[in-house]
N, C-alpha and C. Protein backbone atom coordinates (compact mmCIF):
# COMPACT_ATOMS: atom_id res chain seq x y z
N MET A 1 0.99 -1.48 -0.08
CA MET A 1 0.36 0.05 0.19
C MET A 1 0.90 1.65 -0.01
N THR A 2 1.85 1.28 0.37
CA THR A 2 3.47 2.54 0.73
C THR A 2 3.13 2.84 -0.20
N ALA A 3 3.65 1.97 -1.43
CA ALA A 3 4.44 2.21 -2.94
C ALA A 3 3.10 1.95 -3.62
N VAL A 4 2.53 2.25 -3.53
CA VAL A 4 1.02 2.56 -4.29
C VAL A 4 0.79 4.16 -3.95
N ILE A 5 0.87 4.78 -3.03
CA ILE A 5 0.76 5.71 -1.88
C ILE A 5 2.63 6.88 -2.98
N PHE A 6 3.33 6.04 -2.82
CA PHE A 6 5.09 6.76 -3.12
C PHE A 6 4.49 7.08 -4.69
N ILE A 7 4.02 5.70 -5.50
CA ILE A 7 3.84 5.69 -6.87
C ILE A 7 3.06 6.77 -7.50
N TYR A 8 1.87 6.80 -6.46
CA TYR A 8 1.08 8.35 -6.74
C TYR A 8 1.16 9.54 -6.70
N THR A 9 2.57 9.54 -5.27
CA THR A 9 2.67 11.13 -4.98
C THR A 9 3.92 11.27 -6.38
N ALA A 10 4.30 10.46 -6.80
CA ALA A 10 6.12 10.78 -8.08
C ALA A 10 5.08 11.17 -8.89
N VAL A 11 4.08 10.71 -9.02
CA VAL A 11 3.62 10.99 -10.69
C VAL A 11 2.85 12.19 -11.05
N LEU A 12 2.48 12.16 -9.61
CA LEU A 12 1.75 14.12 -9.53
C LEU A 12 2.56 15.32 -9.38
N THR A 13 3.77 14.63 -8.93
CA THR A 13 4.82 16.15 -8.84
C THR A 13 5.62 15.54 -9.78
N VAL A 14 5.21 14.61 -10.88
CA VAL A 14 6.37 14.69 -11.84
C VAL A 14 5.55 15.58 -12.87
N ARG A 15 4.13 15.64 -12.78
CA ARG A 15 2.90 16.05 -13.65
C ARG A 15 3.48 17.82 -13.50
N ASN A 16 3.07 18.04 -12.08
CA ASN A 16 2.86 19.56 -11.58
C ASN A 16 4.47 19.84 -12.05
N LEU A 17 5.32 18.98 -12.21
CA LEU A 17 6.71 19.70 -12.08
C LEU A 17 7.04 20.44 -13.83
N ILE A 18 5.95 19.15 -14.86
CA ILE A 18 6.30 19.47 -16.50
C ILE A 18 5.09 20.51 -16.66
N THR A 19 4.01 20.87 -15.99
CA THR A 19 3.44 22.30 -15.88
C THR A 19 3.67 23.27 -15.29
N THR A 20 4.76 22.96 -14.64
CA THR A 20 5.59 24.37 -14.03
C THR A 20 6.29 24.72 -15.14
N ILE A 21 7.13 24.19 -15.58
CA ILE A 21 8.11 24.07 -16.71
C ILE A 21 7.34 24.39 -18.39
N LYS A 22 6.44 24.58 -18.82
CA LYS A 22 5.23 24.64 -19.38
C LYS A 22 4.56 26.05 -19.50
N MET A 23 4.56 25.97 -18.26
CA MET A 23 4.00 28.05 -17.93
C MET A 23 5.12 28.73 -17.99
N ARG A 24 6.00 28.61 -17.69
CA ARG A 24 7.22 29.40 -17.47
C ARG A 24 7.54 29.64 -18.80
N HIS A 25 7.72 28.29 -19.97
CA HIS A 25 8.43 28.89 -21.02
C HIS A 25 7.41 29.94 -21.56
N ARG A 26 5.65 29.24 -21.38
CA ARG A 26 4.76 30.08 -21.73
C ARG A 26 4.74 31.17 -21.73
N ILE A 27 5.18 31.53 -20.29
CA ILE A 27 5.30 33.37 -19.74
C ILE A 27 6.92 33.96 -20.58
N SER A 28 7.40 33.26 -20.76
CA SER A 28 9.12 33.83 -21.03
C SER A 28 8.50 34.68 -22.88
N ARG A 29 7.28 33.54 -23.44
CA ARG A 29 7.45 34.43 -24.75
C ARG A 29 6.51 35.45 -25.32
N LEU A 30 5.11 35.17 -23.83
CA LEU A 30 4.19 36.48 -23.71
C LEU A 30 5.31 37.46 -23.06
N GLU A 31 6.44 36.96 -22.31
CA GLU A 31 7.29 38.47 -22.54
C GLU A 31 8.03 38.99 -23.32
N GLU A 32 8.59 38.10 -24.32
CA GLU A 32 9.06 38.26 -25.63
C GLU A 32 7.88 39.40 -26.32
N GLN A 33 7.13 38.70 -26.85
CA GLN A 33 5.98 39.19 -27.30
C GLN A 33 5.37 40.94 -26.84
N ARG A 34 5.21 40.88 -25.22
CA ARG A 34 4.79 42.23 -24.87
C ARG A 34 6.27 43.57 -25.05
N ASP A 35 7.33 43.15 -24.71
CA ASP A 35 8.70 43.91 -25.44
C ASP A 35 8.55 44.23 -26.60
N HIS A 36 7.90 43.59 -27.95
CA HIS A 36 8.69 43.90 -29.13
C HIS A 36 7.05 44.62 -28.98
N TYR A 37 5.73 44.06 -28.37
CA TYR A 37 4.69 45.28 -28.79
C TYR A 37 5.48 46.80 -28.19
N ARG A 38 5.79 46.64 -26.94
CA ARG A 38 6.19 47.91 -26.53
C ARG A 38 6.77 49.02 -27.39
N ALA A 39 7.65 47.93 -27.63
CA ALA A 39 9.19 49.03 -29.00
C ALA A 39 8.13 49.18 -30.29
N ARG A 40 7.00 48.26 -30.74
CA ARG A 40 6.53 48.69 -31.93
C ARG A 40 5.63 50.30 -31.58
N ILE A 41 5.03 50.23 -30.06
CA ILE A 41 3.89 51.51 -29.86
C ILE A 41 5.00 52.64 -30.01
N GLU A 42 6.24 52.26 -29.42
CA GLU A 42 6.93 53.85 -29.39
C GLU A 42 7.54 54.08 -30.81
N GLU A 43 7.68 53.50 -31.69
CA GLU A 43 8.35 53.65 -33.23
C GLU A 43 7.24 54.46 -34.10
N ASP A 44 6.10 53.61 -33.02
CA ASP A 44 4.53 54.43 -34.29
C ASP A 44 4.15 55.35 -33.21
N SER A 45 4.58 55.60 -32.16
CA SER A 45 4.06 56.87 -31.42
C SER A 45 4.88 58.04 -32.10
N ALA A 46 6.32 57.53 -32.04
CA ALA A 46 7.54 58.55 -32.60
C ALA A 46 6.90 59.05 -33.84
N MET A 47 6.50 58.18 -35.23
CA MET A 47 5.47 58.54 -36.29
C MET A 47 5.18 59.16 -36.51
N LEU A 48 4.44 58.93 -35.06
CA LEU A 48 2.44 60.16 -35.77
C LEU A 48 2.86 61.58 -34.70
N GLU A 49 4.04 61.38 -34.46
CA GLU A 49 4.64 63.07 -33.64
C GLU A 49 5.17 63.80 -35.10
N ARG A 50 5.87 62.89 -35.48
CA ARG A 50 6.92 63.43 -36.70
C ARG A 50 5.26 64.12 -37.80
N LEU A 51 4.30 63.00 -37.74
CA LEU A 51 3.27 63.37 -38.85
C LEU A 51 2.82 64.26 -39.10
N ASN A 52 2.76 64.97 -37.28
CA ASN A 52 2.09 66.61 -36.51
C ASN A 52 2.48 67.58 -37.49
N TYR A 53 3.93 67.38 -38.80
CA TYR A 53 5.08 68.52 -39.02
C TYR A 53 4.16 68.28 -40.88
N ASP A 54 3.85 69.63 -40.71
CA ASP A 54 3.23 69.69 -42.88
C ASP A 54 4.38 69.13 -43.20
N GLU A 55 6.20 69.99 -43.09
CA GLU A 55 6.84 69.20 -44.03
C GLU A 55 7.26 67.46 -44.38
N PHE A 56 6.99 66.92 -43.07
CA PHE A 56 7.57 65.68 -42.85
C PHE A 56 6.40 64.78 -43.13
N LEU A 57 4.64 65.35 -43.37
CA LEU A 57 3.58 64.55 -43.60
C LEU A 57 3.88 64.58 -45.07
N GLU A 58 4.24 65.89 -46.11
CA GLU A 58 4.52 66.28 -47.32
C GLU A 58 5.02 64.95 -48.26
N GLN A 59 6.62 64.87 -46.91
CA GLN A 59 7.32 63.74 -47.58
C GLN A 59 7.15 62.53 -47.86
N TYR A 60 6.54 62.11 -46.50
CA TYR A 60 6.08 60.82 -46.13
C TYR A 60 5.10 60.00 -47.18
N ALA A 61 4.50 61.27 -47.41
CA ALA A 61 3.45 61.26 -48.44
C ALA A 61 3.64 60.65 -49.84
N ARG A 62 4.81 61.99 -50.50
CA ARG A 62 5.22 61.13 -51.75
C ARG A 62 5.84 60.08 -51.57
N GLU A 63 6.61 59.86 -50.31
CA GLU A 63 7.76 58.82 -50.73
C GLU A 63 7.02 57.55 -50.93
N ARG A 64 5.37 57.60 -49.79
CA ARG A 64 5.36 56.13 -49.10
C ARG A 64 4.16 55.69 -50.05
N PHE A 65 3.71 56.96 -50.69
CA PHE A 65 2.07 56.67 -51.72
C PHE A 65 2.26 56.95 -52.89
N HIS A 66 3.62 57.88 -52.97
CA HIS A 66 4.09 58.42 -54.56
C HIS A 66 2.91 59.65 -54.92
N MET A 67 2.30 60.09 -54.12
CA MET A 67 1.78 60.95 -54.31
C MET A 67 2.56 62.55 -55.02
N GLN A 68 1.73 63.16 -55.95
CA GLN A 68 1.87 64.62 -55.93
C GLN A 68 1.03 65.37 -56.29
N ARG A 69 1.51 66.48 -56.79
CA ARG A 69 1.18 67.79 -56.61
C ARG A 69 0.52 68.04 -58.55
N SER A 70 -0.67 68.68 -58.49
CA SER A 70 -1.39 68.81 -59.80
C SER A 70 -0.71 69.34 -60.92
N ASN A 71 0.39 69.91 -60.44
CA ASN A 71 1.17 70.78 -61.52
C ASN A 71 2.30 70.34 -61.89
N GLU A 72 2.90 68.87 -61.09
CA GLU A 72 4.13 68.76 -61.22
C GLU A 72 4.54 66.49 -61.88
N HIS A 73 5.11 66.50 -62.47
CA HIS A 73 5.39 64.90 -62.85
C HIS A 73 6.45 63.98 -61.47
N ILE A 74 6.18 63.52 -61.22
CA ILE A 74 7.09 62.28 -60.57
C ILE A 74 7.53 60.61 -61.47
N TYR A 75 8.76 60.93 -61.25
CA TYR A 75 9.19 59.72 -62.01
C TYR A 75 9.78 58.79 -61.10
N ILE A 76 9.10 57.53 -61.00
CA ILE A 76 9.61 56.53 -60.29
C ILE A 76 10.95 55.97 -60.30
N VAL A 77 11.94 55.96 -59.94
CA VAL A 77 13.07 54.67 -60.37
C VAL A 77 13.60 53.94 -59.07
N GLU A 78 13.31 53.01 -59.41
CA GLU A 78 13.15 51.52 -58.33
C GLU A 78 14.59 50.55 -58.73
N ASP A 79 15.19 50.95 -57.81
CA ASP A 79 16.47 49.80 -57.39
C ASP A 79 16.41 48.10 -58.01
């Protein structure tokens, strides 16, 4: 009877250990994702600040969306 209790306790301990290791791994991955998204938020916030200036907004629109004024011609040269 003692052997059965010992084996049952050992199985439960190993199972809890495996669960703990899995949870720590998952927490680590989630912390990495959190850090990634925080960095992304900082980059986007900086871009939003720069877009408040008309000069940067015009430059960004021209480069990103190939926009032009009505009285000019733009030629796009890609490498």
